[in-house]
Amino acid sequence: MARTIAKDHDQKRALILSASARLFAEEGYDRASMTQIARACGISKANIYHYYEGKDALLFDLLDSYLRRLRDRVCQMDLSDLDPVARLRRILTEVLLAYEGADHEHKVQLNAISALPEPQQEHLRTYQREMVKFMSAAIRDAAPETFGADKGKLRAVTMSVFGMLNWHYMWNAGADTEDRKGYADLVARLTLEGVQGL
């Protein structure tokens, strides 16, 4: 007979993922143990193994959930009523707002994705590539005269923009919504005004 799913299955899974993100970010993925995760969740290690067969499976679910949610939030926005510059500003703002409250997940993504088997890494990179493609198109449309058909220049600017966004949590960890909106505007101005001289 198949095992029934507990009523609090989703809540417990979310608790495990949240505790794991914090531990992997603070202790490092290699040093964090299932015992530590169980202790942080207030549940038994055996209960964690009911959800995940091991630490790798937990890491993959953590990153898959986080990156899929991030990709969907950013790439599925309806931007049809905005001009190209306003579209870029809206995307930059949404990325930073999506990062709010997810510093641990973001740090784990940057530092631990390489611990997974290559096929799983490739699966996760698909989400990242979709976001890069989406951002790149917005940057190109906001400054078409700068980029033309120069894919190398567009890629360099796109990855520079993600660099500014992705490391924001390192020096402004306590940023609230208004701080993030302000920084998104700064990144937009640096990008749009900076590319004029390229």
Protein backbone atom coordinates (compact mmCIF):
# COMPACT_ATOMS: atom_id res chain seq x y z
CA MET A 1 0.00 0.00 0.00
CA ALA A 2 1.33 3.43 -0.95
CA ARG A 3 2.30 5.77 1.85
CA THR A 4 -0.15 8.67 2.22
CA ILE A 5 1.16 12.24 2.12
CA ALA A 6 0.92 14.05 5.45
CA LYS A 7 -1.31 17.13 5.63
CA ASP A 8 1.67 19.30 6.53
CA HIS A 9 3.94 17.81 3.83
CA ASP A 10 4.37 21.06 1.88
CA GLN A 11 4.94 23.17 4.99
CA LYS A 12 7.52 20.73 6.32
CA ARG A 13 9.29 20.60 2.96
CA ALA A 14 9.39 24.42 2.89
CA LEU A 15 10.83 24.40 6.44
CA ILE A 16 13.53 21.92 5.42
CA LEU A 17 14.46 23.96 2.35
CA SER A 18 14.60 27.21 4.33
CA ALA A 19 16.75 25.71 7.09
CA SER A 20 19.01 24.08 4.54
CA ALA A 21 19.50 27.32 2.64
CA ARG A 22 20.55 29.09 5.82
CA LEU A 23 22.93 26.32 6.88
CA PHE A 24 24.45 25.86 3.42
CA ALA A 25 24.98 29.63 3.16
CA GLU A 26 26.43 30.07 6.65
CA GLU A 27 28.38 26.83 7.10
CA GLY A 28 29.11 25.95 3.48
CA TYR A 29 27.42 23.08 1.67
CA ASP A 30 30.30 20.67 2.26
CA ARG A 31 30.36 21.28 6.03
CA ALA A 32 26.60 21.32 6.72
CA SER A 33 25.19 17.95 7.77
CA MET A 34 21.77 16.36 7.68
CA THR A 35 21.93 16.21 11.48
CA GLN A 36 22.37 20.01 11.62
CA ILE A 37 19.50 20.50 9.21
CA ALA A 38 17.23 18.24 11.27
CA ARG A 39 18.16 20.14 14.44
CA ALA A 40 17.44 23.49 12.78
CA CYS A 41 14.04 22.22 11.62
CA GLY A 42 13.16 20.66 14.97
CA ILE A 43 12.47 17.31 13.35
CA SER A 44 14.27 13.99 13.28
CA LYS A 45 16.94 13.13 10.72
CA ALA A 46 14.82 10.12 9.74
CA ASN A 47 11.97 12.50 8.94
CA ILE A 48 14.22 14.49 6.62
CA TYR A 49 15.13 11.29 4.78
CA HIS A 50 11.39 10.80 4.23
CA TYR A 51 11.61 13.90 2.00
CA TYR A 52 15.13 13.62 0.57
CA GLU A 53 17.36 10.61 0.01
CA GLY A 54 20.45 12.68 0.69
CA LYS A 55 22.05 16.11 0.85
CA ASP A 56 22.54 16.30 -2.93
CA ALA A 57 18.83 15.75 -3.53
CA LEU A 58 18.02 18.43 -0.98
CA LEU A 59 20.45 20.90 -2.61
CA PHE A 60 19.00 20.24 -6.05
CA ASP A 61 15.41 20.77 -4.85
CA LEU A 62 16.45 23.94 -3.05
CA LEU A 63 18.10 25.44 -6.14
CA ASP A 64 15.49 24.14 -8.58
CA SER A 65 12.67 25.65 -6.52
CA TYR A 66 14.48 28.94 -6.08
CA LEU A 67 15.64 29.42 -9.68
CA ARG A 68 12.35 28.28 -11.21
CA ARG A 69 10.44 30.70 -8.99
CA LEU A 70 12.88 33.51 -9.85
CA ARG A 71 12.75 32.78 -13.59
CA ASP A 72 8.95 32.68 -13.60
CA ARG A 73 8.60 35.89 -11.60
CA VAL A 74 10.98 37.84 -13.81
CA CYS A 75 10.40 36.39 -17.27
CA GLN A 76 6.62 36.12 -17.09
CA MET A 77 5.93 39.78 -16.32
CA ASP A 78 3.56 41.57 -18.67
CA LEU A 79 5.65 44.45 -20.00
CA SER A 80 3.68 45.06 -23.19
CA ASP A 81 2.47 48.54 -22.19
CA LEU A 82 5.98 49.86 -21.38
CA ASP A 83 8.52 51.55 -23.64
CA PRO A 84 11.96 49.85 -23.89
CA VAL A 85 13.67 51.97 -21.23
CA ALA A 86 10.78 51.55 -18.78
CA ARG A 87 10.83 47.80 -19.49
CA LEU A 88 14.48 47.56 -18.54
CA ARG A 89 13.93 49.54 -15.35
CA ARG A 90 10.99 47.31 -14.44
CA ILE A 91 13.02 44.13 -14.98
CA LEU A 92 15.96 45.40 -12.91
CA THR A 93 13.58 46.34 -10.09
CA GLU A 94 11.79 42.99 -10.20
CA VAL A 95 15.06 41.04 -10.03
CA LEU A 96 16.12 42.91 -6.90
CA LEU A 97 12.69 42.57 -5.32
CA ALA A 98 12.74 38.85 -6.09
CA TYR A 99 16.08 38.59 -4.29
CA GLU A 100 14.60 40.20 -1.16
CA GLY A 101 14.46 37.65 1.66
CA ALA A 102 16.39 35.11 -0.41
CA ASP A 103 19.98 36.02 0.45
CA HIS A 104 20.70 32.48 1.69
CA GLU A 105 19.30 30.85 -1.46
CA HIS A 106 21.17 33.33 -3.61
CA LYS A 107 24.48 32.64 -1.86
CA VAL A 108 23.96 28.87 -2.14
CA GLN A 109 23.28 29.27 -5.87
CA LEU A 110 26.54 31.17 -6.33
CA ASN A 111 28.68 28.86 -4.18
CA ALA A 112 27.24 25.33 -4.24
CA ILE A 113 25.76 24.62 -7.66
CA SER A 114 29.05 23.04 -8.75
CA ALA A 115 28.63 20.33 -6.06
CA LEU A 116 25.78 18.78 -8.06
CA PRO A 117 26.15 16.23 -10.87
CA GLU A 118 26.61 17.81 -14.29
CA PRO A 119 23.12 16.94 -15.63
CA GLN A 120 21.52 18.68 -12.65
CA GLN A 121 23.83 21.67 -13.04
CA GLU A 122 22.81 21.91 -16.70
CA HIS A 123 19.12 21.78 -15.72
CA LEU A 124 19.62 24.68 -13.30
CA ARG A 125 21.70 26.66 -15.80
CA THR A 126 18.72 26.56 -18.16
CA TYR A 127 16.84 28.84 -15.75
CA GLN A 128 19.85 31.14 -15.54
CA ARG A 129 20.24 31.27 -19.34
CA GLU A 130 16.56 32.13 -19.78
CA MET A 131 16.94 35.07 -17.40
CA VAL A 132 20.13 36.22 -19.13
CA LYS A 133 18.40 36.05 -22.52
CA PHE A 134 15.42 38.01 -21.19
CA MET A 135 17.63 40.70 -19.65
CA SER A 136 19.85 40.86 -22.73
CA ALA A 137 16.86 41.51 -25.00
CA ALA A 138 15.67 44.30 -22.71
CA ILE A 139 19.10 45.97 -22.68
CA ARG A 140 19.40 45.69 -26.47
CA ASP A 141 15.93 47.16 -27.00
CA ALA A 142 16.67 50.04 -24.62
CA ALA A 143 19.84 51.02 -26.54
CA PRO A 144 19.61 49.50 -30.06
CA GLU A 145 21.98 52.05 -31.60
CA THR A 146 24.73 51.00 -29.18
CA PHE A 147 24.61 47.28 -29.75
CA GLY A 148 23.37 46.69 -33.29
CA ALA A 149 24.58 43.20 -34.15
CA ASP A 150 27.49 43.25 -31.68
CA LYS A 151 26.60 40.20 -29.59
CA GLY A 152 29.90 40.30 -27.69
CA LYS A 153 29.32 43.84 -26.44
CA LEU A 154 25.71 43.04 -25.51
CA ARG A 155 26.78 39.95 -23.57
CA ALA A 156 29.48 41.90 -21.72
CA VAL A 157 26.99 44.58 -20.66
CA THR A 158 24.33 42.02 -19.73
CA MET A 159 26.69 40.05 -17.51
CA SER A 160 27.97 43.30 -15.95
CA VAL A 161 24.38 44.20 -15.06
CA PHE A 162 23.85 40.81 -13.43
CA GLY A 163 27.12 41.33 -11.56
CA MET A 164 25.76 44.55 -10.07
CA LEU A 165 22.48 42.89 -9.14
CA ASN A 166 23.83 39.57 -7.89
CA TRP A 167 26.38 41.01 -5.45
CA HIS A 168 24.07 43.66 -4.01
CA TYR A 169 23.29 41.42 -1.02
CA MET A 170 26.99 41.33 -0.05
CA TRP A 171 27.28 45.02 0.77
CA ASN A 172 23.63 45.92 1.46
CA ALA A 173 22.18 42.87 3.20
CA GLY A 174 19.55 44.86 5.08
CA ALA A 175 18.13 46.56 1.98
CA ASP A 176 14.36 47.02 2.13
CA THR A 177 11.98 47.39 -0.81
CA GLU A 178 12.65 51.11 -1.28
CA ASP A 179 16.43 50.59 -1.11
CA ARG A 180 16.14 47.92 -3.80
CA LYS A 181 14.02 50.13 -6.03
CA GLY A 182 16.54 52.93 -5.64
CA TYR A 183 19.44 50.66 -6.48
CA ALA A 184 17.58 49.28 -9.51
CA ASP A 185 17.21 52.85 -10.76
CA LEU A 186 20.93 53.46 -10.20
CA VAL A 187 21.83 50.30 -12.17
CA ALA A 188 19.50 51.40 -14.97
CA ARG A 189 21.14 54.83 -15.17
CA LEU A 190 24.64 53.39 -15.03
CA THR A 191 23.74 50.97 -17.80
CA LEU A 192 21.84 53.28 -20.12
CA GLU A 193 24.09 56.31 -19.68
CA GLY A 194 27.26 54.20 -19.58
CA VAL A 195 26.63 52.41 -22.86
CA GLN A 196 26.30 55.72 -24.71
CA GLY A 197 30.07 55.99 -24.81
CA LEU A 198 30.70 52.43 -26.01
